Amino acid sequence: MTESLGRSAFAGLYDPDRKKVMSQALFEFLQYGLKYTFPQQPGALVRGIPTAHSAKPLADLIQSNEPYVWPSADGTVRGQAIEPLYPTIVQAVNNDPLLYEMLALVDAIRVGKTREVTLAVEELRKRLLVTA
């Protein structure tokens, strides 16, 4: 097991026996711990890929003149830089719209104001805590 999976299992975020993410625990971590573990402040104006409230699904709910972006030469939007959680996120989201949405919601929790955080948490709840 990799170190990351080992730490995640120890924290109760991952069940190694069933090879399954513990959705409720992950949701609670995102809601309450993410902004303390991976803090971020908007940076310089750069060209990039929209994130946080500037990307779907929050872009449909929030009107803002201050876009946030992951810095990228391939980006089409000029906005304040948000460093992604991992350097290759920009490449990863190009081929996975669901991953893009989830990571943009995560960034809204990292850098958003109360309204953005509340909306992002609700959108993540819908995606992570699917009821049977």
C-alpha atoms as a PDB file:
ATOM      1  CA  MET A   1       0.000   0.000   0.000  1.00  0.00           C
ATOM      2  CA  THR A   2       1.350   3.441  -0.848  1.00  0.00           C
ATOM      3  CA  GLU A   3       2.079   5.910   1.937  1.00  0.00           C
ATOM      4  CA  SER A   4      -0.861   8.055   0.866  1.00  0.00           C
ATOM      5  CA  LEU A   5      -3.313   5.166   1.013  1.00  0.00           C
ATOM      6  CA  GLY A   6      -1.830   4.096   4.334  1.00  0.00           C
ATOM      7  CA  ARG A   7      -2.360   7.562   5.819  1.00  0.00           C
ATOM      8  CA  SER A   8      -5.870   7.688   4.356  1.00  0.00           C
ATOM      9  CA  ALA A   9      -6.723   4.295   5.861  1.00  0.00           C
ATOM     10  CA  PHE A  10      -5.277   5.351   9.236  1.00  0.00           C
ATOM     11  CA  ALA A  11      -7.409   8.526   9.125  1.00  0.00           C
ATOM     12  CA  GLY A  12     -10.559   6.562   8.258  1.00  0.00           C
ATOM     13  CA  LEU A  13     -10.861   8.027   4.767  1.00  0.00           C
ATOM     14  CA  TYR A  14     -10.173   4.743   2.958  1.00  0.00           C
ATOM     15  CA  ASP A  15     -11.054   1.083   3.609  1.00  0.00           C
ATOM     16  CA  PRO A  16      -8.114  -0.995   2.318  1.00  0.00           C
ATOM     17  CA  ASP A  17      -9.970  -4.300   2.691  1.00  0.00           C
ATOM     18  CA  ARG A  18     -12.824  -3.214   0.431  1.00  0.00           C
ATOM     19  CA  LYS A  19     -10.600  -0.811  -1.551  1.00  0.00           C
ATOM     20  CA  LYS A  20     -13.216   1.884  -1.083  1.00  0.00           C
ATOM     21  CA  VAL A  21     -13.193   5.580  -0.214  1.00  0.00           C
ATOM     22  CA  MET A  22     -15.248   6.264   2.888  1.00  0.00           C
ATOM     23  CA  SER A  23     -17.593   8.894   1.424  1.00  0.00           C
ATOM     24  CA  GLN A  24     -18.952  10.312   4.676  1.00  0.00           C
ATOM     25  CA  ALA A  25     -15.481  10.712   6.181  1.00  0.00           C
ATOM     26  CA  LEU A  26     -14.137  12.289   2.972  1.00  0.00           C
ATOM     27  CA  PHE A  27     -17.058  14.712   2.888  1.00  0.00           C
ATOM     28  CA  GLU A  28     -16.454  15.721   6.521  1.00  0.00           C
ATOM     29  CA  PHE A  29     -12.752  16.258   5.819  1.00  0.00           C
ATOM     30  CA  LEU A  30     -13.542  18.428   2.790  1.00  0.00           C
ATOM     31  CA  GLN A  31     -16.152  20.408   4.686  1.00  0.00           C
ATOM     32  CA  TYR A  32     -14.219  21.018   7.904  1.00  0.00           C
ATOM     33  CA  GLY A  33     -10.521  20.277   7.394  1.00  0.00           C
ATOM     34  CA  LEU A  34      -9.537  21.091   3.825  1.00  0.00           C
ATOM     35  CA  LYS A  35      -9.111  24.849   4.176  1.00  0.00           C
ATOM     36  CA  TYR A  36      -6.799  24.306   7.167  1.00  0.00           C
ATOM     37  CA  THR A  37      -4.788  21.489   5.608  1.00  0.00           C
ATOM     38  CA  PHE A  38      -4.432  23.021   2.130  1.00  0.00           C
ATOM     39  CA  PRO A  39      -4.910  26.789   2.603  1.00  0.00           C
ATOM     40  CA  GLN A  40      -4.742  29.057  -0.409  1.00  0.00           C
ATOM     41  CA  GLN A  41      -4.940  32.774  -1.122  1.00  0.00           C
ATOM     42  CA  PRO A  42      -5.758  34.180  -4.565  1.00  0.00           C
ATOM     43  CA  GLY A  43      -2.580  35.388  -6.248  1.00  0.00           C
ATOM     44  CA  ALA A  44      -1.489  37.445  -9.231  1.00  0.00           C
ATOM     45  CA  LEU A  45      -3.541  37.954 -12.382  1.00  0.00           C
ATOM     46  CA  VAL A  46      -2.659  35.202 -14.853  1.00  0.00           C
ATOM     47  CA  ARG A  47      -4.127  33.286 -17.752  1.00  0.00           C
ATOM     48  CA  GLY A  48      -5.556  29.927 -16.785  1.00  0.00           C
ATOM     49  CA  ILE A  49      -8.368  27.420 -16.350  1.00  0.00           C
ATOM     50  CA  PRO A  50     -11.354  28.613 -14.257  1.00  0.00           C
ATOM     51  CA  THR A  51     -11.739  27.095 -10.794  1.00  0.00           C
ATOM     52  CA  ALA A  52     -13.706  27.610  -7.577  1.00  0.00           C
ATOM     53  CA  HIS A  53     -16.721  29.899  -8.151  1.00  0.00           C
ATOM     54  CA  SER A  54     -15.537  30.620 -11.714  1.00  0.00           C
ATOM     55  CA  ALA A  55     -16.113  27.022 -12.905  1.00  0.00           C
ATOM     56  CA  LYS A  56     -19.244  24.914 -13.130  1.00  0.00           C
ATOM     57  CA  PRO A  57     -21.340  24.181 -11.209  1.00  0.00           C
ATOM     58  CA  LEU A  58     -20.837  27.315  -9.079  1.00  0.00           C
ATOM     59  CA  ALA A  59     -20.409  29.603 -12.096  1.00  0.00           C
ATOM     60  CA  ASP A  60     -24.092  28.943 -12.834  1.00  0.00           C
ATOM     61  CA  LEU A  61     -25.050  30.043  -9.309  1.00  0.00           C
ATOM     62  CA  ILE A  62     -22.639  32.917  -8.575  1.00  0.00           C
ATOM     63  CA  GLN A  63     -22.004  36.046 -10.603  1.00  0.00           C
ATOM     64  CA  SER A  64     -18.509  37.447 -10.040  1.00  0.00           C
ATOM     65  CA  ASN A  65     -16.178  39.877 -11.766  1.00  0.00           C
ATOM     66  CA  GLU A  66     -13.185  38.306 -10.005  1.00  0.00           C
ATOM     67  CA  PRO A  67     -12.416  34.990 -11.726  1.00  0.00           C
ATOM     68  CA  TYR A  68     -10.123  32.455 -10.088  1.00  0.00           C
ATOM     69  CA  VAL A  69      -7.951  30.253 -12.309  1.00  0.00           C
ATOM     70  CA  TRP A  70      -5.377  27.497 -12.172  1.00  0.00           C
ATOM     71  CA  PRO A  71      -2.380  29.017 -13.985  1.00  0.00           C
ATOM     72  CA  SER A  72      -2.020  27.476 -17.448  1.00  0.00           C
ATOM     73  CA  ALA A  73      -0.666  28.602 -20.812  1.00  0.00           C
ATOM     74  CA  ASP A  74      -3.604  26.733 -22.363  1.00  0.00           C
ATOM     75  CA  GLY A  75      -6.128  28.724 -20.318  1.00  0.00           C
ATOM     76  CA  THR A  76      -8.631  31.084 -21.887  1.00  0.00           C
ATOM     77  CA  VAL A  77      -9.558  33.162 -18.817  1.00  0.00           C
ATOM     78  CA  ARG A  78      -7.555  35.862 -17.062  1.00  0.00           C
ATOM     79  CA  GLY A  79      -8.017  35.774 -13.314  1.00  0.00           C
ATOM     80  CA  GLN A  80      -6.405  35.498  -9.919  1.00  0.00           C
ATOM     81  CA  ALA A  81      -4.114  32.488  -9.625  1.00  0.00           C
ATOM     82  CA  ILE A  82      -5.100  29.616  -7.356  1.00  0.00           C
ATOM     83  CA  GLU A  83      -2.390  27.005  -6.940  1.00  0.00           C
ATOM     84  CA  PRO A  84      -3.955  23.593  -7.571  1.00  0.00           C
ATOM     85  CA  LEU A  85      -3.779  20.853  -4.945  1.00  0.00           C
ATOM     86  CA  TYR A  86      -1.426  18.931  -7.215  1.00  0.00           C
ATOM     87  CA  PRO A  87       0.725  20.195 -10.118  1.00  0.00           C
ATOM     88  CA  THR A  88      -0.815  17.939 -12.802  1.00  0.00           C
ATOM     89  CA  ILE A  89      -4.456  18.779 -12.040  1.00  0.00           C
ATOM     90  CA  VAL A  90      -4.767  21.003 -15.108  1.00  0.00           C
ATOM     91  CA  GLN A  91      -3.823  18.103 -17.393  1.00  0.00           C
ATOM     92  CA  ALA A  92      -6.019  15.621 -15.499  1.00  0.00           C
ATOM     93  CA  VAL A  93      -9.211  17.681 -15.736  1.00  0.00           C
ATOM     94  CA  ASN A  94      -8.897  18.101 -19.505  1.00  0.00           C
ATOM     95  CA  ASN A  95     -10.184  14.552 -19.992  1.00  0.00           C
ATOM     96  CA  ASP A  96     -12.512  14.227 -17.014  1.00  0.00           C
ATOM     97  CA  PRO A  97     -15.357  16.757 -16.589  1.00  0.00           C
ATOM     98  CA  LEU A  98     -16.555  15.188 -13.323  1.00  0.00           C
ATOM     99  CA  LEU A  99     -13.080  15.418 -11.800  1.00  0.00           C
ATOM    100  CA  TYR A 100     -12.907  19.043 -12.942  1.00  0.00           C
ATOM    101  CA  GLU A 101     -16.214  19.854 -11.210  1.00  0.00           C
ATOM    102  CA  MET A 102     -15.173  18.147  -7.984  1.00  0.00           C
ATOM    103  CA  LEU A 103     -11.778  19.856  -7.836  1.00  0.00           C
ATOM    104  CA  ALA A 104     -13.307  23.252  -8.621  1.00  0.00           C
ATOM    105  CA  LEU A 105     -15.761  22.731  -5.738  1.00  0.00           C
ATOM    106  CA  VAL A 106     -12.853  21.778  -3.490  1.00  0.00           C
ATOM    107  CA  ASP A 107     -11.098  25.019  -4.462  1.00  0.00           C
ATOM    108  CA  ALA A 108     -14.242  26.985  -3.603  1.00  0.00           C
ATOM    109  CA  ILE A 109     -13.942  25.601  -0.078  1.00  0.00           C
ATOM    110  CA  ARG A 110     -10.230  26.490   0.031  1.00  0.00           C
ATOM    111  CA  VAL A 111     -10.606  30.117  -1.100  1.00  0.00           C
ATOM    112  CA  GLY A 112     -14.283  31.042  -1.034  1.00  0.00           C
ATOM    113  CA  LYS A 113     -16.245  33.379   1.136  1.00  0.00           C
ATOM    114  CA  THR A 114     -19.099  32.043   3.269  1.00  0.00           C
ATOM    115  CA  ARG A 115     -21.646  31.906   0.433  1.00  0.00           C
ATOM    116  CA  GLU A 116     -19.280  30.155  -1.988  1.00  0.00           C
ATOM    117  CA  VAL A 117     -18.206  27.645   0.662  1.00  0.00           C
ATOM    118  CA  THR A 118     -21.822  26.879   1.601  1.00  0.00           C
ATOM    119  CA  LEU A 119     -22.805  26.292  -2.032  1.00  0.00           C
ATOM    120  CA  ALA A 120     -19.701  24.185  -2.695  1.00  0.00           C
ATOM    121  CA  VAL A 121     -20.355  22.016   0.361  1.00  0.00           C
ATOM    122  CA  GLU A 122     -23.943  21.438  -0.757  1.00  0.00           C
ATOM    123  CA  GLU A 123     -22.842  20.508  -4.283  1.00  0.00           C
ATOM    124  CA  LEU A 124     -20.213  18.116  -2.893  1.00  0.00           C
ATOM    125  CA  ARG A 125     -22.832  16.591  -0.584  1.00  0.00           C
ATOM    126  CA  LYS A 126     -24.996  15.807  -3.630  1.00  0.00           C
ATOM    127  CA  ARG A 127     -22.065  14.163  -5.406  1.00  0.00           C
ATOM    128  CA  LEU A 128     -20.423  12.278  -2.551  1.00  0.00           C
ATOM    129  CA  LEU A 129     -23.301  11.232  -0.326  1.00  0.00           C
ATOM    130  CA  VAL A 130     -25.580   9.526  -2.813  1.00  0.00           C
ATOM    131  CA  THR A 131     -28.444   7.829  -1.048  1.00  0.00           C
ATOM    132  CA  ALA A 132     -29.582   4.359  -2.061  1.00  0.00           C
END
